[in-house]
Amino acid sequence: MTDWITRLSDENARTALGQRFEALADEAFNVVRWTVVVGFARFLSTQTGGIWFSVIHWALGGLLLAYIASRFLLRPEVPVFARTDTRWKRIVQTVLNILLCMAAFILVMLALEVLVDAIATYRFAPAAT
């Protein structure tokens, strides 16, 4: 505990910790912002029934997938092995990172579907008198 307090009293350590928190908050905000845009497009596509809103929804969903993929694949991958010194380790790590990216995208899209359905139900529910 005292080591942690000593580390926090160091200005360089606090700066590094603050930068990590800022980067995490920035990434989370960007994902939330993209999710809101895709969710709004989904809401419009369910309420209007127009084909163009569905096209916009899926195009924005594809951009969201690209954004999530850029976080997991184009930047340093989530490490699976301590060392990726052999070809099979690099392949396994890349495949697992692709699966992680797809799982994150599917979870975001499922959460959007539930959220949009809830908003549509609330928005168009009969008013209680």
N, C-alpha and C. Protein backbone atom coordinates (compact mmCIF):
# COMPACT_ATOMS: atom_id res chain seq x y z
N MET A 1 0.83 -1.20 0.00
CA MET A 1 0.00 0.00 0.00
C MET A 1 0.87 1.25 0.00
N THR A 2 1.92 1.25 0.82
CA THR A 2 2.78 2.43 0.87
C THR A 2 3.53 2.62 -0.44
N ASP A 3 3.83 1.50 -1.14
CA ASP A 3 4.48 1.61 -2.44
C ASP A 3 3.56 2.32 -3.43
N TRP A 4 2.28 2.03 -3.38
CA TRP A 4 1.31 2.66 -4.27
C TRP A 4 1.19 4.14 -3.95
N ILE A 5 1.15 4.49 -2.66
CA ILE A 5 1.08 5.89 -2.25
C ILE A 5 2.34 6.63 -2.66
N THR A 6 3.49 5.97 -2.51
CA THR A 6 4.75 6.58 -2.93
C THR A 6 4.76 6.82 -4.43
N ARG A 7 4.24 5.85 -5.19
CA ARG A 7 4.18 6.00 -6.64
C ARG A 7 3.27 7.16 -7.03
N LEU A 8 2.14 7.31 -6.35
CA LEU A 8 1.22 8.41 -6.67
C LEU A 8 1.78 9.77 -6.28
N SER A 9 2.72 9.80 -5.36
CA SER A 9 3.31 11.08 -4.98
C SER A 9 4.34 11.54 -6.01
N ASP A 10 4.75 10.65 -6.91
CA ASP A 10 5.68 11.01 -7.96
C ASP A 10 4.91 11.66 -9.12
N GLU A 11 5.33 12.85 -9.53
CA GLU A 11 4.61 13.59 -10.56
C GLU A 11 4.61 12.86 -11.90
N ASN A 12 5.71 12.22 -12.26
CA ASN A 12 5.77 11.50 -13.54
C ASN A 12 4.81 10.31 -13.55
N ALA A 13 4.72 9.61 -12.42
CA ALA A 13 3.79 8.47 -12.32
C ALA A 13 2.35 8.94 -12.41
N ARG A 14 2.04 10.06 -11.75
CA ARG A 14 0.67 10.60 -11.84
C ARG A 14 0.34 11.04 -13.26
N THR A 15 1.31 11.65 -13.93
CA THR A 15 1.09 12.07 -15.31
C THR A 15 0.84 10.87 -16.21
N ALA A 16 1.63 9.81 -16.05
CA ALA A 16 1.45 8.60 -16.86
C ALA A 16 0.10 7.96 -16.57
N LEU A 17 -0.30 7.91 -15.31
CA LEU A 17 -1.59 7.33 -14.94
C LEU A 17 -2.74 8.17 -15.50
N GLY A 18 -2.59 9.49 -15.43
CA GLY A 18 -3.60 10.38 -15.99
C GLY A 18 -3.73 10.22 -17.49
N GLN A 19 -2.62 10.04 -18.18
CA GLN A 19 -2.66 9.84 -19.62
C GLN A 19 -3.35 8.52 -19.97
N ARG A 20 -3.12 7.49 -19.17
CA ARG A 20 -3.80 6.21 -19.41
C ARG A 20 -5.30 6.35 -19.21
N PHE A 21 -5.71 7.02 -18.14
CA PHE A 21 -7.14 7.24 -17.90
C PHE A 21 -7.76 8.06 -19.02
N GLU A 22 -7.04 9.09 -19.46
CA GLU A 22 -7.55 9.94 -20.54
C GLU A 22 -7.71 9.15 -21.83
N ALA A 23 -6.73 8.30 -22.15
CA ALA A 23 -6.82 7.49 -23.37
C ALA A 23 -7.98 6.51 -23.28
N LEU A 24 -8.18 5.90 -22.11
CA LEU A 24 -9.29 4.97 -21.93
C LEU A 24 -10.63 5.68 -22.06
N ALA A 25 -10.76 6.85 -21.43
CA ALA A 25 -12.01 7.61 -21.51
C ALA A 25 -12.26 8.07 -22.94
N ASP A 26 -11.21 8.45 -23.65
CA ASP A 26 -11.35 8.89 -25.04
C ASP A 26 -11.83 7.75 -25.92
N GLU A 27 -11.25 6.57 -25.75
CA GLU A 27 -11.67 5.40 -26.53
C GLU A 27 -13.12 5.03 -26.22
N ALA A 28 -13.47 5.02 -24.93
CA ALA A 28 -14.84 4.68 -24.54
C ALA A 28 -15.82 5.69 -25.09
N PHE A 29 -15.48 6.96 -25.04
CA PHE A 29 -16.37 8.00 -25.57
C PHE A 29 -16.57 7.83 -27.08
N ASN A 30 -15.51 7.53 -27.79
CA ASN A 30 -15.63 7.34 -29.24
C ASN A 30 -16.54 6.16 -29.58
N VAL A 31 -16.40 5.06 -28.84
CA VAL A 31 -17.27 3.91 -29.09
C VAL A 31 -18.72 4.27 -28.76
N VAL A 32 -18.94 4.97 -27.66
CA VAL A 32 -20.30 5.37 -27.29
C VAL A 32 -20.87 6.32 -28.34
N ARG A 33 -20.08 7.25 -28.81
CA ARG A 33 -20.54 8.20 -29.84
C ARG A 33 -20.93 7.47 -31.12
N TRP A 34 -20.09 6.56 -31.59
CA TRP A 34 -20.41 5.77 -32.77
C TRP A 34 -21.66 4.94 -32.53
N THR A 35 -21.79 4.39 -31.35
CA THR A 35 -22.94 3.55 -31.03
C THR A 35 -24.22 4.37 -31.06
N VAL A 36 -24.19 5.58 -30.56
CA VAL A 36 -25.37 6.44 -30.58
C VAL A 36 -25.78 6.76 -32.02
N VAL A 37 -24.81 7.04 -32.87
CA VAL A 37 -25.12 7.34 -34.27
C VAL A 37 -25.73 6.12 -34.95
N VAL A 38 -25.14 4.95 -34.75
CA VAL A 38 -25.69 3.73 -35.35
C VAL A 38 -27.07 3.42 -34.76
N GLY A 39 -27.23 3.62 -33.46
CA GLY A 39 -28.52 3.38 -32.83
C GLY A 39 -29.61 4.30 -33.36
N PHE A 40 -29.26 5.56 -33.59
CA PHE A 40 -30.25 6.49 -34.14
C PHE A 40 -30.64 6.08 -35.56
N ALA A 41 -29.67 5.65 -36.34
CA ALA A 41 -29.97 5.17 -37.69
C ALA A 41 -30.86 3.93 -37.62
N ARG A 42 -30.60 3.06 -36.65
CA ARG A 42 -31.45 1.87 -36.48
C ARG A 42 -32.87 2.27 -36.09
N PHE A 43 -32.97 3.24 -35.20
CA PHE A 43 -34.29 3.73 -34.79
C PHE A 43 -35.06 4.27 -35.99
N LEU A 44 -34.40 5.07 -36.82
CA LEU A 44 -35.06 5.61 -38.01
C LEU A 44 -35.47 4.51 -38.98
N SER A 45 -34.62 3.49 -39.10
CA SER A 45 -34.96 2.41 -40.04
C SER A 45 -36.14 1.59 -39.55
N THR A 46 -36.27 1.42 -38.23
CA THR A 46 -37.41 0.64 -37.72
C THR A 46 -38.69 1.46 -37.75
N GLN A 47 -38.60 2.75 -37.57
CA GLN A 47 -39.81 3.56 -37.49
C GLN A 47 -40.35 4.00 -38.85
N THR A 48 -39.45 4.20 -39.82
CA THR A 48 -39.91 4.66 -41.12
C THR A 48 -40.15 3.51 -42.08
N GLY A 49 -39.42 2.43 -41.90
CA GLY A 49 -39.55 1.30 -42.81
C GLY A 49 -38.92 1.54 -44.16
N GLY A 50 -38.25 2.66 -44.32
CA GLY A 50 -37.62 2.98 -45.60
C GLY A 50 -36.35 2.19 -45.82
N ILE A 51 -36.12 1.81 -47.05
CA ILE A 51 -34.93 1.04 -47.39
C ILE A 51 -33.66 1.87 -47.20
N TRP A 52 -33.74 3.17 -47.43
CA TRP A 52 -32.54 4.00 -47.33
C TRP A 52 -32.06 4.13 -45.89
N PHE A 53 -32.97 4.17 -44.95
CA PHE A 53 -32.54 4.22 -43.56
C PHE A 53 -31.90 2.90 -43.14
N SER A 54 -32.38 1.80 -43.70
CA SER A 54 -31.74 0.50 -43.43
C SER A 54 -30.33 0.46 -44.03
N VAL A 55 -30.19 1.00 -45.23
CA VAL A 55 -28.88 1.05 -45.87
C VAL A 55 -27.93 1.92 -45.04
N ILE A 56 -28.43 3.06 -44.60
CA ILE A 56 -27.62 3.95 -43.75
C ILE A 56 -27.25 3.24 -42.46
N HIS A 57 -28.20 2.53 -41.86
CA HIS A 57 -27.93 1.81 -40.61
C HIS A 57 -26.82 0.78 -40.81
N TRP A 58 -26.91 -0.02 -41.87
CA TRP A 58 -25.89 -1.04 -42.08
C TRP A 58 -24.56 -0.44 -42.50
N ALA A 59 -24.57 0.65 -43.23
CA ALA A 59 -23.31 1.31 -43.58
C ALA A 59 -22.63 1.86 -42.33
N LEU A 60 -23.42 2.49 -41.46
CA LEU A 60 -22.84 2.99 -40.22
C LEU A 60 -22.41 1.85 -39.31
N GLY A 61 -23.16 0.74 -39.33
CA GLY A 61 -22.75 -0.44 -38.58
C GLY A 61 -21.42 -0.98 -39.08
N GLY A 62 -21.22 -0.95 -40.40
CA GLY A 62 -19.93 -1.36 -40.96
C GLY A 62 -18.80 -0.43 -40.53
N LEU A 63 -19.10 0.86 -40.47
CA LEU A 63 -18.09 1.80 -39.98
C LEU A 63 -17.78 1.57 -38.51
N LEU A 64 -18.81 1.23 -37.75
CA LEU A 64 -18.57 0.89 -36.33
C LEU A 64 -17.70 -0.34 -36.21
N LEU A 65 -17.95 -1.35 -37.05
CA LEU A 65 -17.10 -2.54 -37.05
C LEU A 65 -15.67 -2.16 -37.41
N ALA A 66 -15.50 -1.30 -38.39
CA ALA A 66 -14.15 -0.87 -38.78
C ALA A 66 -13.47 -0.13 -37.63
N TYR A 67 -14.23 0.69 -36.91
CA TYR A 67 -13.64 1.42 -35.78
C TYR A 67 -13.21 0.46 -34.68
N ILE A 68 -14.08 -0.49 -34.35
CA ILE A 68 -13.73 -1.47 -33.32
C ILE A 68 -12.55 -2.32 -33.78
N ALA A 69 -12.55 -2.70 -35.05
CA ALA A 69 -11.43 -3.48 -35.58
C ALA A 69 -10.13 -2.69 -35.51
N SER A 70 -10.20 -1.40 -35.74
CA SER A 70 -8.97 -0.61 -35.68
C SER A 70 -8.40 -0.59 -34.27
N ARG A 71 -9.26 -0.71 -33.27
CA ARG A 71 -8.78 -0.73 -31.89
C ARG A 71 -8.14 -2.06 -31.53
N PHE A 72 -8.69 -3.16 -32.06
CA PHE A 72 -8.18 -4.48 -31.69
C PHE A 72 -7.15 -5.03 -32.65
N LEU A 73 -7.18 -4.62 -33.90
CA LEU A 73 -6.34 -5.26 -34.91
C LEU A 73 -5.25 -4.36 -35.47
N LEU A 74 -5.56 -3.11 -35.74
CA LEU A 74 -4.58 -2.27 -36.41
C LEU A 74 -3.58 -1.67 -35.44
N ARG A 75 -3.98 -1.55 -34.22
CA ARG A 75 -3.03 -1.12 -33.19
C ARG A 75 -2.41 -2.38 -32.61
N PRO A 76 -1.53 -2.26 -31.66
CA PRO A 76 -0.97 -3.50 -31.09
C PRO A 76 -2.09 -4.42 -30.62
N GLU A 77 -1.98 -5.68 -31.02
CA GLU A 77 -3.02 -6.65 -30.70
C GLU A 77 -3.05 -6.93 -29.20
N VAL A 78 -4.17 -7.47 -28.77
CA VAL A 78 -4.28 -7.93 -27.39
C VAL A 78 -3.37 -9.15 -27.28
N PRO A 79 -2.37 -9.11 -26.41
CA PRO A 79 -1.41 -10.23 -26.37
C PRO A 79 -2.03 -11.50 -25.81
N VAL A 80 -1.79 -12.60 -26.49
CA VAL A 80 -2.23 -13.91 -26.03
C VAL A 80 -1.03 -14.67 -25.49
N PHE A 81 0.07 -14.57 -26.17
CA PHE A 81 1.31 -15.22 -25.78
C PHE A 81 2.31 -14.17 -25.30
N ALA A 82 3.18 -14.57 -24.40
CA ALA A 82 4.21 -13.64 -23.94
C ALA A 82 5.15 -13.26 -25.09
N ARG A 83 5.47 -14.25 -25.92
CA ARG A 83 6.33 -14.00 -27.08
C ARG A 83 5.67 -14.62 -28.30
N THR A 84 5.65 -13.89 -29.37
CA THR A 84 5.13 -14.42 -30.63
C THR A 84 6.30 -14.69 -31.56
N ASP A 85 7.15 -15.62 -31.13
CA ASP A 85 8.38 -15.90 -31.87
C ASP A 85 8.19 -16.91 -32.99
N THR A 86 7.07 -17.61 -33.00
CA THR A 86 6.83 -18.57 -34.08
C THR A 86 5.61 -18.14 -34.90
N ARG A 87 5.54 -18.67 -36.09
CA ARG A 87 4.46 -18.30 -37.00
C ARG A 87 3.11 -18.72 -36.45
N TRP A 88 3.00 -19.92 -35.90
CA TRP A 88 1.70 -20.39 -35.42
C TRP A 88 1.20 -19.55 -34.26
N LYS A 89 2.09 -19.03 -33.41
CA LYS A 89 1.66 -18.16 -32.31
C LYS A 89 1.10 -16.84 -32.85
N ARG A 90 1.74 -16.29 -33.87
CA ARG A 90 1.24 -15.05 -34.47
C ARG A 90 -0.12 -15.27 -35.12
N ILE A 91 -0.28 -16.41 -35.79
CA ILE A 91 -1.56 -16.71 -36.44
C ILE A 91 -2.65 -16.89 -35.41
N VAL A 92 -2.37 -17.64 -34.35
CA VAL A 92 -3.37 -17.86 -33.29
C VAL A 92 -3.72 -16.54 -32.62
N GLN A 93 -2.74 -15.71 -32.35
CA GLN A 93 -3.01 -14.42 -31.73
C GLN A 93 -3.87 -13.54 -32.63
N THR A 94 -3.58 -13.51 -33.92
CA THR A 94 -4.36 -12.71 -34.85
C THR A 94 -5.79 -13.23 -34.96
N VAL A 95 -5.96 -14.53 -35.05
CA VAL A 95 -7.30 -15.12 -35.14
C VAL A 95 -8.10 -14.81 -33.87
N LEU A 96 -7.48 -14.96 -32.71
CA LEU A 96 -8.19 -14.66 -31.47
C LEU A 96 -8.54 -13.18 -31.36
N ASN A 97 -7.69 -12.31 -31.88
CA ASN A 97 -8.01 -10.88 -31.87
C ASN A 97 -9.14 -10.57 -32.84
N ILE A 98 -9.20 -11.25 -33.97
CA ILE A 98 -10.32 -11.07 -34.89
C ILE A 98 -11.61 -11.52 -34.23
N LEU A 99 -11.56 -12.67 -33.56
CA LEU A 99 -12.75 -13.16 -32.85
C LEU A 99 -13.17 -12.20 -31.74
N LEU A 100 -12.22 -11.64 -31.03
CA LEU A 100 -12.51 -10.66 -29.99
C LEU A 100 -13.18 -9.42 -30.59
N CYS A 101 -12.68 -8.98 -31.73
CA CYS A 101 -13.27 -7.84 -32.42
C CYS A 101 -14.69 -8.13 -32.84
N MET A 102 -14.92 -9.29 -33.42
CA MET A 102 -16.27 -9.66 -33.86
C MET A 102 -17.21 -9.79 -32.67
N ALA A 103 -16.73 -10.36 -31.57
CA ALA A 103 -17.56 -10.49 -30.37
C ALA A 103 -17.94 -9.12 -29.82
N ALA A 104 -16.99 -8.20 -29.80
CA ALA A 104 -17.29 -6.85 -29.32
C ALA A 104 -18.31 -6.18 -30.23
N PHE A 105 -18.17 -6.35 -31.54
CA PHE A 105 -19.11 -5.76 -32.48
C PHE A 105 -20.51 -6.36 -32.32
N ILE A 106 -20.59 -7.67 -32.19
CA ILE A 106 -21.89 -8.33 -32.02
C ILE A 106 -22.56 -7.88 -30.73
N LEU A 107 -21.79 -7.77 -29.65
CA LEU A 107 -22.36 -7.30 -28.39
C LEU A 107 -22.88 -5.87 -28.51
N VAL A 108 -22.13 -5.03 -29.19
CA VAL A 108 -22.57 -3.64 -29.37
C VAL A 108 -23.85 -3.60 -30.19
N MET A 109 -23.91 -4.38 -31.27
CA MET A 109 -25.10 -4.38 -32.13
C MET A 109 -26.31 -4.97 -31.40
N LEU A 110 -26.11 -6.02 -30.60
CA LEU A 110 -27.22 -6.58 -29.82
C LEU A 110 -27.72 -5.58 -28.78
N ALA A 111 -26.79 -4.91 -28.13
CA ALA A 111 -27.18 -3.91 -27.14
C ALA A 111 -27.94 -2.76 -27.82
N LEU A 112 -27.51 -2.37 -29.01
CA LEU A 112 -28.22 -1.33 -29.76
C LEU A 112 -29.63 -1.77 -30.11
N GLU A 113 -29.78 -3.03 -30.52
CA GLU A 113 -31.11 -3.53 -30.88
C GLU A 113 -32.05 -3.47 -29.68
N VAL A 114 -31.57 -3.90 -28.52
CA VAL A 114 -32.39 -3.85 -27.31
C VAL A 114 -32.71 -2.41 -26.94
N LEU A 115 -31.72 -1.54 -27.02
CA LEU A 115 -31.93 -0.13 -26.68
C LEU A 115 -32.92 0.54 -27.63
N VAL A 116 -32.78 0.30 -28.91
CA VAL A 116 -33.70 0.92 -29.88
C VAL A 116 -35.11 0.39 -29.68
N ASP A 117 -35.27 -0.90 -29.43
CA ASP A 117 -36.60 -1.45 -29.16
C ASP A 117 -37.22 -0.82 -27.92
N ALA A 118 -36.41 -0.64 -26.88
CA ALA A 118 -36.92 -0.02 -25.66
C ALA A 118 -37.32 1.44 -25.90
N ILE A 119 -36.51 2.16 -26.64
CA ILE A 119 -36.82 3.56 -26.94
C ILE A 119 -38.09 3.65 -27.78
N ALA A 120 -38.20 2.79 -28.78
CA ALA A 120 -39.39 2.81 -29.64
C ALA A 120 -40.64 2.45 -28.85
N THR A 121 -40.53 1.49 -27.95
CA THR A 121 -41.68 1.11 -27.12
C THR A 121 -42.07 2.25 -26.20
N TYR A 122 -41.09 2.88 -25.59
CA TYR A 122 -41.38 3.99 -24.69
C TYR A 122 -41.93 5.20 -25.46
N ARG A 123 -41.32 5.47 -26.59
CA ARG A 123 -41.69 6.67 -27.37
C ARG A 123 -43.09 6.57 -27.93
N PHE A 124 -43.47 5.39 -28.36
CA PHE A 124 -44.74 5.23 -29.03
C PHE A 124 -45.78 4.51 -28.19
N ALA A 125 -45.52 4.42 -26.89
CA ALA A 125 -46.51 3.82 -25.99
C ALA A 125 -47.66 4.80 -25.78
N PRO A 126 -48.86 4.29 -25.57
CA PRO A 126 -49.97 5.20 -25.31
C PRO A 126 -49.75 5.99 -24.01
N ALA A 127 -50.11 7.24 -24.05
CA ALA A 127 -49.92 8.10 -22.88
C ALA A 127 -50.90 7.70 -21.78
N ALA A 128 -50.38 7.61 -20.57
CA ALA A 128 -51.23 7.29 -19.42
C ALA A 128 -51.96 8.56 -18.97
N THR A 129 -53.23 8.43 -18.72
CA THR A 129 -53.99 9.61 -18.30
C THR A 129 -54.49 9.46 -16.91
